Amino acid sequence: MPRIGILGGSGLYDMPGLKDRREERVDTPFGSPSDAILLGDLDGETLAFLPRHGRGHRFNPSEVNYRANVWALRKLGVEWIISVSAVGSLREEVVPGHVVVIDQFIDRTKGRHATFFEGGVVGHIAFADPVCSTLRGFLLQAANEAGATVHDGGTYVCMEGPAFSTRAESHLYRSWGGKVIGMTNLPEAKLAREAGISYATLAMATDYDCWHEAHDAVTVDQVVATLKKNVALAQRAVAHAVPLILSHAGPCPASRAAEGAIMTDPSKIPTDRREALAVIAGQFLG
């Protein structure tokens, strides 16, 4: 069973050294994941890759079924998720091509399914520190070993999209202390926490958003060109991260995140919700 999952673009599928590639399709109570999950062995460890936008980039950030993606990975046994994410830079020092290993989020999304705990069961998960500090440390080390220019920490502003920001919005996010801006890591990180999965992000800057007057406003061509350059770097970083993660003794730090979070009287939890949540937090439902 894979303990490490990677959410990102399908370019990561072509990691050098990945052997015995096979696909796994997982049905979930929350609908279909973005695509089949690619399983492959790297140095004897099975990894699970899931392109959050689907192969061929078919789903915009608002259409991604984040619940199904996280549920499917957890069903397969994933305990750690590495999120590889393209972002816009909100800071002069974060040059396109640089990597930020973020430690905070600001949520500007709307209308997305952001929790597994609904429909007759209520849970309030702790999310003050939304990134697993242990996994974040591993990704910092791995990105440095991969040769990236790495920024330690920073706030990821997650906007709805799919349109890019207005200039006024971009300046507002900078005034809030945002370091990068993206469209996908929420509710993904919240759902991973509910599922007891340790989650952290390699935020790979592709552009300067639209705040930077010395640079043209962000375009798809610009983003795609930088993304292609970042693929090999992301592959190297993931390869360096795997042995670091495997060196961790015991369960992942987020494994008991849902303990004490369920507010609903166990006798009142509907059978279908109990069944749907068995993979996510079954041991904490009472």
Protein backbone atom coordinates (compact mmCIF):
# COMPACT_ATOMS: atom_id res chain seq x y z
CA MET A 1 0.00 0.00 0.00
CA PRO A 2 1.31 3.50 -0.83
CA ARG A 3 2.03 5.69 2.19
CA ILE A 4 3.06 8.74 0.14
CA GLY A 5 0.75 10.52 -2.28
CA ILE A 6 1.59 13.32 -4.71
CA LEU A 7 -1.04 15.78 -5.91
CA GLY A 8 0.06 17.90 -8.83
CA GLY A 9 0.34 17.93 -12.58
CA SER A 10 0.55 14.82 -14.73
CA GLY A 11 4.13 15.73 -15.68
CA LEU A 12 5.19 14.22 -12.37
CA TYR A 13 4.14 10.81 -13.72
CA ASP A 14 7.34 10.67 -15.76
CA MET A 15 9.66 10.63 -12.75
CA PRO A 16 12.98 8.99 -13.56
CA GLY A 17 13.44 5.72 -11.72
CA LEU A 18 9.73 5.09 -11.20
CA LYS A 19 9.14 1.39 -11.87
CA ASP A 20 6.24 -1.04 -12.13
CA ARG A 21 3.75 1.64 -13.11
CA ARG A 22 0.09 0.68 -12.84
CA GLU A 23 -3.24 2.46 -12.52
CA GLU A 24 -5.83 2.18 -9.77
CA ARG A 25 -9.36 3.51 -10.15
CA VAL A 26 -11.12 4.20 -6.86
CA ASP A 27 -14.86 4.76 -6.41
CA THR A 28 -15.72 7.07 -3.51
CA PRO A 29 -18.89 8.11 -1.64
CA PHE A 30 -18.09 11.66 -2.75
CA GLY A 31 -18.00 11.04 -6.49
CA SER A 32 -15.15 10.36 -8.88
CA PRO A 33 -11.56 11.50 -8.32
CA SER A 34 -9.95 13.67 -10.96
CA ASP A 35 -8.39 10.65 -12.66
CA ALA A 36 -7.06 7.17 -12.13
CA ILE A 37 -4.30 7.06 -9.54
CA LEU A 38 -0.90 6.07 -10.88
CA LEU A 39 1.05 3.74 -8.61
CA GLY A 40 4.76 3.32 -9.12
CA ASP A 41 7.75 2.05 -7.17
CA LEU A 42 10.66 4.33 -6.36
CA ASP A 43 13.58 2.70 -4.58
CA GLY A 44 11.28 -0.01 -3.28
CA GLU A 45 8.55 2.33 -2.00
CA THR A 46 5.17 2.58 -3.70
CA LEU A 47 4.06 6.14 -4.50
CA ALA A 48 0.56 7.27 -5.50
CA PHE A 49 0.25 10.08 -8.06
CA LEU A 50 -3.03 11.88 -8.72
CA PRO A 51 -3.27 14.81 -11.18
CA ARG A 52 -5.72 17.11 -9.43
CA HIS A 53 -6.90 18.68 -12.71
CA GLY A 54 -7.08 15.30 -14.49
CA ARG A 55 -4.81 14.24 -17.30
CA GLY A 56 -5.08 16.79 -20.08
CA HIS A 57 -6.01 19.48 -17.49
CA ARG A 58 -9.77 18.94 -17.80
CA PHE A 59 -11.02 20.41 -14.51
CA ASN A 60 -10.66 24.04 -13.49
CA PRO A 61 -9.81 24.69 -9.82
CA SER A 62 -13.46 25.13 -8.86
CA GLU A 63 -14.44 21.86 -10.55
CA VAL A 64 -11.83 19.63 -8.93
CA ASN A 65 -13.47 17.04 -6.66
CA TYR A 66 -11.11 17.58 -3.73
CA ARG A 67 -13.09 15.31 -1.40
CA ALA A 68 -12.98 12.39 -3.82
CA ASN A 69 -9.25 12.92 -4.44
CA VAL A 70 -8.33 12.91 -0.75
CA TRP A 71 -10.74 10.06 0.11
CA ALA A 72 -9.31 7.90 -2.70
CA LEU A 73 -5.73 8.45 -1.58
CA ARG A 74 -6.63 7.66 2.03
CA LYS A 75 -8.47 4.51 0.92
CA LEU A 76 -5.28 3.30 -0.74
CA GLY A 77 -3.35 3.83 2.50
CA VAL A 78 -1.75 7.25 1.91
CA GLU A 79 -0.59 8.97 5.12
CA TRP A 80 1.49 11.78 3.62
CA ILE A 81 0.52 14.10 0.76
CA ILE A 82 3.05 16.22 -1.11
CA SER A 83 1.20 18.98 -2.94
CA VAL A 84 3.14 20.29 -5.95
CA SER A 85 1.43 23.53 -6.93
CA ALA A 86 1.95 26.30 -9.45
CA VAL A 87 1.56 29.73 -7.85
CA GLY A 88 1.93 33.39 -8.59
CA SER A 89 4.50 35.36 -6.62
CA LEU A 90 3.33 38.25 -4.45
CA ARG A 91 6.88 39.22 -3.41
CA GLU A 92 9.79 40.67 -5.37
CA GLU A 93 12.22 38.17 -3.86
CA VAL A 94 10.18 35.15 -4.98
CA VAL A 95 11.31 35.04 -8.58
CA PRO A 96 9.48 32.83 -11.09
CA GLY A 97 11.21 29.47 -10.89
CA HIS A 98 11.74 29.70 -7.14
CA VAL A 99 10.09 27.34 -4.63
CA VAL A 100 8.25 28.42 -1.48
CA VAL A 101 7.62 25.79 1.20
CA ILE A 102 4.62 27.56 2.68
CA ASP A 103 3.38 27.38 6.26
CA GLN A 104 0.06 29.29 6.22
CA PHE A 105 -3.06 29.81 4.12
CA ILE A 106 -5.64 32.52 3.56
CA ASP A 107 -8.84 31.07 2.11
CA ARG A 108 -10.57 33.16 -0.55
CA THR A 109 -12.47 30.29 -2.15
CA LYS A 110 -16.26 30.05 -2.22
CA GLY A 111 -18.76 27.33 -3.02
CA ARG A 112 -16.35 24.41 -2.71
CA HIS A 113 -17.06 21.33 -0.61
CA ALA A 114 -14.60 21.97 2.21
CA THR A 115 -15.37 19.19 4.68
CA PHE A 116 -16.23 15.51 4.97
CA PHE A 117 -18.25 16.28 8.11
CA GLU A 118 -21.75 17.18 6.90
CA GLY A 119 -25.08 15.59 6.13
CA GLY A 120 -25.77 14.49 9.69
CA VAL A 121 -22.31 14.49 11.26
CA VAL A 122 -20.47 17.58 12.50
CA GLY A 123 -16.75 17.78 13.13
CA HIS A 124 -14.52 20.77 13.91
CA ILE A 125 -10.90 20.09 13.04
CA ALA A 126 -7.98 22.12 14.43
CA PHE A 127 -6.40 24.08 11.58
CA ALA A 128 -4.40 26.89 13.19
CA ASP A 129 -1.23 25.41 11.71
CA PRO A 130 -2.54 24.07 8.42
CA VAL A 131 0.68 22.49 7.15
CA CYS A 132 2.34 19.49 8.77
CA SER A 133 5.56 20.90 10.23
CA THR A 134 7.33 17.55 9.99
CA LEU A 135 6.55 17.10 6.31
CA ARG A 136 7.31 20.76 5.66
CA GLY A 137 10.78 20.22 7.11
CA PHE A 138 11.33 17.23 4.86
CA LEU A 139 10.24 19.23 1.79
CA LEU A 140 12.56 22.11 2.69
CA GLN A 141 15.51 19.76 2.85
CA ALA A 142 14.46 17.90 -0.29
CA ALA A 143 13.97 21.07 -2.36
CA ASN A 144 17.38 22.35 -1.32
CA GLU A 145 18.98 19.01 -2.18
CA ALA A 146 17.24 19.14 -5.56
CA GLY A 147 18.99 22.42 -6.36
CA ALA A 148 16.04 24.77 -6.02
CA THR A 149 16.13 28.33 -4.80
CA VAL A 150 13.97 27.81 -1.73
CA HIS A 151 12.05 30.23 0.49
CA ASP A 152 11.32 28.92 3.98
CA GLY A 153 7.74 29.74 4.95
CA GLY A 154 5.12 32.16 3.73
CA THR A 155 1.37 32.51 3.30
CA TYR A 156 -0.42 30.99 0.32
CA VAL A 157 -3.54 32.96 -0.65
CA CYS A 158 -6.00 30.53 -2.23
CA MET A 159 -8.39 32.32 -4.57
CA GLU A 160 -11.37 30.87 -6.42
CA GLY A 161 -10.39 31.41 -10.04
CA PRO A 162 -10.31 30.40 -12.79
CA ALA A 163 -9.67 34.02 -13.79
CA PHE A 164 -6.48 35.55 -12.43
CA SER A 165 -6.59 38.41 -9.88
CA THR A 166 -7.41 42.03 -10.57
CA ARG A 167 -4.59 44.46 -9.77
CA ALA A 168 -6.56 45.74 -6.78
CA GLU A 169 -6.93 42.20 -5.42
CA SER A 170 -3.27 41.46 -5.97
CA HIS A 171 -2.22 44.56 -4.02
CA LEU A 172 -4.73 43.68 -1.28
CA TYR A 173 -3.25 40.21 -0.85
CA ARG A 174 0.22 41.72 -0.65
CA SER A 175 -0.97 44.07 2.10
CA TRP A 176 -2.23 41.02 4.01
CA GLY A 177 1.25 39.52 3.97
CA GLY A 178 0.60 36.95 1.25
CA LYS A 179 3.71 35.50 -0.33
CA VAL A 180 2.19 33.44 -3.14
CA ILE A 181 -1.24 33.02 -4.69
CA GLY A 182 -2.84 29.90 -6.11
CA MET A 183 -6.20 28.25 -6.74
CA THR A 184 -5.99 24.65 -5.52
CA ASN A 185 -4.59 24.05 -2.04
CA LEU A 186 -7.86 24.77 -0.25
CA PRO A 187 -9.97 22.92 0.62
CA GLU A 188 -7.41 20.23 -0.22
CA ALA A 189 -5.31 20.88 2.90
CA LYS A 190 -8.40 20.98 5.17
CA LEU A 191 -9.69 17.69 3.82
CA ALA A 192 -6.30 16.05 4.25
CA ARG A 193 -6.25 17.16 7.89
CA GLU A 194 -9.76 15.74 8.47
CA ALA A 195 -8.59 12.48 6.91
CA GLY A 196 -5.58 12.23 9.22
CA ILE A 197 -3.08 12.81 6.42
CA SER A 198 0.02 14.96 6.87
CA TYR A 199 0.02 17.60 4.10
CA ALA A 200 2.57 20.12 2.88
CA THR A 201 3.16 22.11 -0.28
CA LEU A 202 5.97 22.77 -2.72
CA ALA A 203 4.68 26.09 -4.14
CA MET A 204 6.46 26.68 -7.44
CA ALA A 205 6.34 30.29 -8.65
CA THR A 206 5.47 30.72 -12.31
CA ASP A 207 4.86 34.48 -12.52
CA TYR A 208 4.53 37.74 -10.56
CA ASP A 209 0.73 37.81 -10.58
CA CYS A 210 -0.38 41.26 -11.82
CA TRP A 211 0.87 43.55 -9.00
CA HIS A 212 4.37 43.95 -10.43
CA GLU A 213 4.35 47.00 -12.70
CA ALA A 214 7.69 46.08 -14.28
CA HIS A 215 6.26 42.81 -15.58
CA ASP A 216 3.39 42.12 -17.93
CA ALA A 217 0.16 40.78 -16.46
CA VAL A 218 0.20 37.00 -16.07
CA THR A 219 -0.71 34.95 -19.15
CA VAL A 220 -1.37 31.25 -19.64
CA ASP A 221 1.62 31.00 -22.01
CA GLN A 222 3.92 32.41 -19.34
CA VAL A 223 2.61 30.04 -16.69
CA VAL A 224 2.88 26.97 -18.93
CA ALA A 225 6.44 27.83 -20.02
CA THR A 226 7.64 28.12 -16.42
CA LEU A 227 5.67 25.04 -15.40
CA LYS A 228 7.54 22.95 -17.94
CA LYS A 229 10.86 24.15 -16.55
CA ASN A 230 9.69 23.31 -13.02
CA VAL A 231 8.68 19.71 -13.74
CA ALA A 232 12.18 18.24 -13.54
CA LEU A 233 12.86 20.24 -10.38
CA ALA A 234 9.65 18.97 -8.78
CA GLN A 235 10.53 15.39 -9.71
CA ARG A 236 13.95 15.71 -8.09
CA ALA A 237 12.47 17.26 -4.94
CA VAL A 238 9.91 14.47 -4.56
CA ALA A 239 12.62 11.84 -5.05
CA HIS A 240 14.73 13.47 -2.31
CA ALA A 241 11.69 13.75 0.00
CA VAL A 242 10.70 10.08 -0.12
CA PRO A 243 13.56 8.66 2.02
CA LEU A 244 13.17 11.52 4.49
CA ILE A 245 9.49 10.72 4.96
CA LEU A 246 10.20 7.03 5.30
CA SER A 247 12.70 7.80 8.06
CA HIS A 248 9.84 9.06 10.24
CA ALA A 249 9.06 6.54 12.97
CA GLY A 250 5.45 5.72 13.75
CA PRO A 251 2.22 7.16 12.31
CA CYS A 252 2.25 10.49 10.50
CA PRO A 253 1.76 13.52 12.81
CA ALA A 254 -1.78 14.19 11.53
CA SER A 255 -3.02 10.64 12.04
CA ARG A 256 -5.22 11.50 15.04
CA ALA A 257 -6.34 14.96 13.91
CA ALA A 258 -10.03 14.02 14.05
CA GLU A 259 -9.82 12.68 17.59
CA GLY A 260 -12.17 14.74 19.77
CA ALA A 261 -13.38 16.73 16.76
CA ILE A 262 -16.74 14.99 16.24
CA MET A 263 -19.58 16.89 17.93
CA THR A 264 -22.48 14.67 16.86
CA ASP A 265 -24.01 12.14 19.24
CA PRO A 266 -22.79 8.78 17.83
CA SER A 267 -26.33 7.39 18.02
CA LYS A 268 -27.52 10.18 15.70
CA ILE A 269 -24.97 9.66 12.91
CA PRO A 270 -26.78 8.36 9.80
CA THR A 271 -25.65 4.96 8.57
CA ASP A 272 -24.64 6.28 5.15
CA ARG A 273 -22.46 8.98 6.73
CA ARG A 274 -20.84 6.47 9.06
CA GLU A 275 -20.03 4.26 6.08
CA ALA A 276 -18.70 7.18 4.01
CA LEU A 277 -16.48 8.36 6.85
CA ALA A 278 -15.16 4.96 7.87
CA VAL A 279 -12.04 5.47 5.75
CA ILE A 280 -11.59 9.05 6.93
CA ALA A 281 -12.30 9.00 10.65
CA GLY A 282 -14.11 5.77 11.45
CA GLN A 283 -12.25 5.16 14.70
CA PHE A 284 -13.38 8.55 16.07
CA LEU A 285 -17.11 8.29 15.27
CA GLY A 286 -17.94 6.40 18.46
